[in-house]
Amino acid sequence: EMCIRDRGYTVSIGKLGDKEIDFIAEQGAEKIYIQVCTNLTDEKVIQREYSSLEEIKDHFPKMVLSLDKGFETSRKGIQWMNIEDFLLNYT
């Protein structure tokens, strides 16, 4: 299994006001904002994971990763992806 750092990204943790962004992956001028959770079990968890990403106003990709299968793949332009699929396939 490859991690995103193996693909040439530097990874840091971000803050937006009182909210935390789990990971900001950067490679040159490119960025990917990533929130990670075990499962998107209810609306409270969904709101928590998506809300900090929704406040970021730039054009870079924003993703929520979880162990869920077959979840809604996008919300307000923020992509959801199964974390295993992300680790195996994201380039």
Protein backbone atom coordinates (compact mmCIF):
# COMPACT_ATOMS: atom_id res chain seq x y z
CA GLU A 1 0.00 0.00 0.00
CA MET A 2 1.22 3.45 -0.88
CA CYS A 3 0.56 6.52 1.19
CA ILE A 4 0.03 9.95 -0.24
CA ARG A 5 3.53 11.04 0.86
CA ASP A 6 4.96 8.26 -1.33
CA ARG A 7 3.32 10.07 -4.25
CA GLY A 8 5.35 13.23 -3.59
CA TYR A 9 2.92 15.16 -1.37
CA THR A 10 3.83 16.87 1.87
CA VAL A 11 1.13 16.45 4.48
CA SER A 12 0.18 18.77 7.34
CA ILE A 13 -2.74 19.44 9.67
CA GLY A 14 -4.75 22.61 9.13
CA LYS A 15 -6.95 24.94 11.13
CA LEU A 16 -9.78 27.15 9.94
CA GLY A 17 -10.98 29.29 12.82
CA ASP A 18 -11.98 26.82 15.52
CA LYS A 19 -12.27 23.92 13.06
CA GLU A 20 -9.54 21.49 12.16
CA ILE A 21 -8.73 20.08 8.75
CA ASP A 22 -7.38 16.56 9.29
CA PHE A 23 -4.88 16.68 6.42
CA ILE A 24 -3.70 19.15 3.81
CA ALA A 25 -1.65 17.38 1.14
CA GLU A 26 0.48 19.66 -1.02
CA GLN A 27 2.58 19.03 -4.09
CA GLY A 28 3.99 22.16 -5.71
CA ALA A 29 1.10 24.58 -6.22
CA GLU A 30 -1.52 21.85 -5.78
CA LYS A 31 -3.44 21.07 -2.57
CA ILE A 32 -5.93 18.45 -1.44
CA TYR A 33 -7.94 18.94 1.75
CA ILE A 34 -8.86 15.67 3.47
CA GLN A 35 -11.15 14.83 6.38
CA VAL A 36 -11.05 11.26 7.73
CA CYS A 37 -13.55 9.43 9.91
CA THR A 38 -14.45 5.84 10.65
CA ASN A 39 -18.05 6.01 9.44
CA LEU A 40 -20.55 8.66 8.40
CA THR A 41 -23.16 7.21 10.74
CA ASP A 42 -25.59 10.09 11.16
CA GLU A 43 -26.24 13.69 10.21
CA LYS A 44 -24.21 15.04 13.15
CA VAL A 45 -21.08 13.17 11.99
CA ILE A 46 -21.68 14.16 8.37
CA GLN A 47 -22.07 17.82 9.37
CA ARG A 48 -18.90 17.73 11.47
CA GLU A 49 -16.78 16.17 8.73
CA TYR A 50 -18.05 18.30 5.84
CA SER A 51 -18.55 21.68 7.55
CA SER A 52 -14.89 22.64 7.89
CA LEU A 53 -14.27 21.77 4.23
CA GLU A 54 -17.35 23.73 3.14
CA GLU A 55 -15.84 26.89 4.64
CA ILE A 56 -12.68 26.71 2.48
CA LYS A 57 -13.21 29.02 -0.45
CA ASP A 58 -10.37 28.07 -2.80
CA HIS A 59 -10.67 25.77 -5.82
CA PHE A 60 -8.54 22.86 -4.61
CA PRO A 61 -10.08 19.38 -4.18
CA LYS A 62 -11.75 18.58 -0.88
CA MET A 63 -12.43 15.01 0.24
CA VAL A 64 -14.01 13.06 3.07
CA LEU A 65 -12.64 9.54 3.54
CA SER A 66 -14.34 6.83 5.58
CA LEU A 67 -14.75 3.06 5.80
CA ASP A 68 -18.33 3.32 4.49
CA LYS A 69 -19.25 1.59 1.24
CA GLY A 70 -21.61 3.10 -1.32
CA PHE A 71 -22.05 6.44 0.39
CA GLU A 72 -23.10 9.60 -1.48
CA THR A 73 -20.06 10.47 -3.59
CA SER A 74 -20.34 14.25 -3.48
CA ARG A 75 -21.80 16.99 -1.29
CA LYS A 76 -21.47 20.66 -2.23
CA GLY A 77 -18.49 19.79 -4.42
CA ILE A 78 -16.74 17.81 -1.69
CA GLN A 79 -16.01 14.27 -2.81
CA TRP A 80 -16.50 11.27 -0.54
CA MET A 81 -14.33 8.20 -1.08
CA ASN A 82 -13.88 4.90 0.72
CA ILE A 83 -10.50 5.19 2.46
CA GLU A 84 -9.27 1.83 1.17
CA ASP A 85 -10.09 2.84 -2.41
CA PHE A 86 -8.32 6.16 -1.85
CA LEU A 87 -5.17 4.50 -0.54
CA LEU A 88 -5.06 2.01 -3.39
CA ASN A 89 -6.11 4.20 -6.31
CA TYR A 90 -5.73 7.96 -5.70
CA THR A 91 -3.01 9.60 -7.79
